[in-house]
Amino acid sequence: MAASRPYVGYDFLVGTKIVHSGITNDPERRETEHKQRWPNGHLRVVTGPMTEPGAREWEAGKEKTITPKR
């Protein structure tokens, strides 16, 4: 069984505005996914590395910033 990858907390920004925050164990994949919606954005890792339970706890305590779809 392969070891699981550590999780990180991240913000996805367009310019200086945070349009989404979350957790992932694959920042490169997650950035690619978000760029489908926000092509000019970039992912900034803000915490980690940590376990999945620790990441979920961090995410639950973070103020949600999600830009609505148009």
C-alpha atoms as a PDB file:
ATOM      1  CA  MET A   1       0.000   0.000   0.000  1.00  0.00           C
ATOM      2  CA  ALA A   2       1.410   3.385  -1.013  1.00  0.00           C
ATOM      3  CA  ALA A   3       1.807   6.053   1.636  1.00  0.00           C
ATOM      4  CA  SER A   4      -0.747   8.828   1.396  1.00  0.00           C
ATOM      5  CA  ARG A   5       0.449  12.278   0.476  1.00  0.00           C
ATOM      6  CA  PRO A   6       0.271  15.048   3.070  1.00  0.00           C
ATOM      7  CA  TYR A   7      -2.466  17.629   2.793  1.00  0.00           C
ATOM      8  CA  VAL A   8      -2.079  21.393   2.516  1.00  0.00           C
ATOM      9  CA  GLY A   9      -4.498  24.280   2.898  1.00  0.00           C
ATOM     10  CA  TYR A  10      -4.592  26.712  -0.001  1.00  0.00           C
ATOM     11  CA  ASP A  11      -6.086  29.907  -1.351  1.00  0.00           C
ATOM     12  CA  PHE A  12      -6.752  30.336  -5.059  1.00  0.00           C
ATOM     13  CA  LEU A  13      -6.259  33.923  -6.126  1.00  0.00           C
ATOM     14  CA  VAL A  14      -7.046  36.011  -9.155  1.00  0.00           C
ATOM     15  CA  GLY A  15      -4.773  38.987  -8.814  1.00  0.00           C
ATOM     16  CA  THR A  16      -4.855  39.725  -5.092  1.00  0.00           C
ATOM     17  CA  LYS A  17      -8.450  38.522  -4.535  1.00  0.00           C
ATOM     18  CA  ILE A  18      -9.033  35.111  -2.941  1.00  0.00           C
ATOM     19  CA  VAL A  19     -11.767  33.437  -5.001  1.00  0.00           C
ATOM     20  CA  HIS A  20     -11.611  30.003  -3.343  1.00  0.00           C
ATOM     21  CA  SER A  21      -9.961  28.280  -0.364  1.00  0.00           C
ATOM     22  CA  GLY A  22      -9.664  24.594   0.362  1.00  0.00           C
ATOM     23  CA  ILE A  23      -7.479  21.575   1.098  1.00  0.00           C
ATOM     24  CA  THR A  24      -5.739  19.127  -1.201  1.00  0.00           C
ATOM     25  CA  ASN A  25      -3.051  16.498  -1.296  1.00  0.00           C
ATOM     26  CA  ASP A  26      -2.246  17.412  -4.929  1.00  0.00           C
ATOM     27  CA  PRO A  27      -1.811  21.196  -5.325  1.00  0.00           C
ATOM     28  CA  GLU A  28      -0.779  20.982  -8.992  1.00  0.00           C
ATOM     29  CA  ARG A  29      -3.919  19.047  -9.949  1.00  0.00           C
ATOM     30  CA  ARG A  30      -6.138  21.353  -7.919  1.00  0.00           C
ATOM     31  CA  GLU A  31      -4.633  24.449  -9.521  1.00  0.00           C
ATOM     32  CA  THR A  32      -5.293  22.997 -12.980  1.00  0.00           C
ATOM     33  CA  GLU A  33      -8.920  22.312 -12.016  1.00  0.00           C
ATOM     34  CA  HIS A  34      -9.461  25.854 -10.690  1.00  0.00           C
ATOM     35  CA  LYS A  35      -7.842  27.384 -13.786  1.00  0.00           C
ATOM     36  CA  GLN A  36     -10.733  25.991 -15.834  1.00  0.00           C
ATOM     37  CA  ARG A  37     -12.970  28.504 -14.040  1.00  0.00           C
ATOM     38  CA  TRP A  38     -10.404  31.225 -13.333  1.00  0.00           C
ATOM     39  CA  PRO A  39      -7.746  31.006 -16.108  1.00  0.00           C
ATOM     40  CA  ASN A  40      -5.686  33.929 -14.776  1.00  0.00           C
ATOM     41  CA  GLY A  41      -5.560  32.656 -11.201  1.00  0.00           C
ATOM     42  CA  HIS A  42      -2.919  30.883  -9.165  1.00  0.00           C
ATOM     43  CA  LEU A  43      -2.854  28.614  -6.140  1.00  0.00           C
ATOM     44  CA  ARG A  44      -1.011  29.687  -2.997  1.00  0.00           C
ATOM     45  CA  VAL A  45      -0.294  27.055  -0.334  1.00  0.00           C
ATOM     46  CA  VAL A  46      -0.971  28.622   3.082  1.00  0.00           C
ATOM     47  CA  THR A  47      -0.622  25.653   5.497  1.00  0.00           C
ATOM     48  CA  GLY A  48       0.844  22.216   5.713  1.00  0.00           C
ATOM     49  CA  PRO A  49       1.953  19.635   5.388  1.00  0.00           C
ATOM     50  CA  MET A  50      -0.625  17.935   7.602  1.00  0.00           C
ATOM     51  CA  THR A  51      -2.802  14.853   7.904  1.00  0.00           C
ATOM     52  CA  GLU A  52      -6.209  14.695   6.249  1.00  0.00           C
ATOM     53  CA  PRO A  53      -8.055  15.048   9.606  1.00  0.00           C
ATOM     54  CA  GLY A  54      -5.890  18.057  10.473  1.00  0.00           C
ATOM     55  CA  ALA A  55      -6.554  19.589   7.063  1.00  0.00           C
ATOM     56  CA  ARG A  56     -10.307  19.080   7.417  1.00  0.00           C
ATOM     57  CA  GLU A  57     -10.204  20.736  10.837  1.00  0.00           C
ATOM     58  CA  TRP A  58      -8.296  23.712   9.373  1.00  0.00           C
ATOM     59  CA  GLU A  59     -10.796  23.951   6.500  1.00  0.00           C
ATOM     60  CA  ALA A  60     -13.801  23.854   8.857  1.00  0.00           C
ATOM     61  CA  GLY A  61     -12.386  26.804  10.792  1.00  0.00           C
ATOM     62  CA  LYS A  62     -11.511  28.911   7.740  1.00  0.00           C
ATOM     63  CA  GLU A  63     -13.876  31.618   6.618  1.00  0.00           C
ATOM     64  CA  LYS A  64     -15.277  30.559   3.263  1.00  0.00           C
ATOM     65  CA  THR A  65     -14.515  32.764   0.299  1.00  0.00           C
ATOM     66  CA  ILE A  66     -16.094  31.378  -2.850  1.00  0.00           C
ATOM     67  CA  THR A  67     -16.938  33.566  -5.801  1.00  0.00           C
ATOM     68  CA  PRO A  68     -20.397  32.686  -7.186  1.00  0.00           C
ATOM     69  CA  LYS A  69     -20.714  31.453 -10.769  1.00  0.00           C
ATOM     70  CA  ARG A  70     -22.154  33.904 -13.259  1.00  0.00           C
END
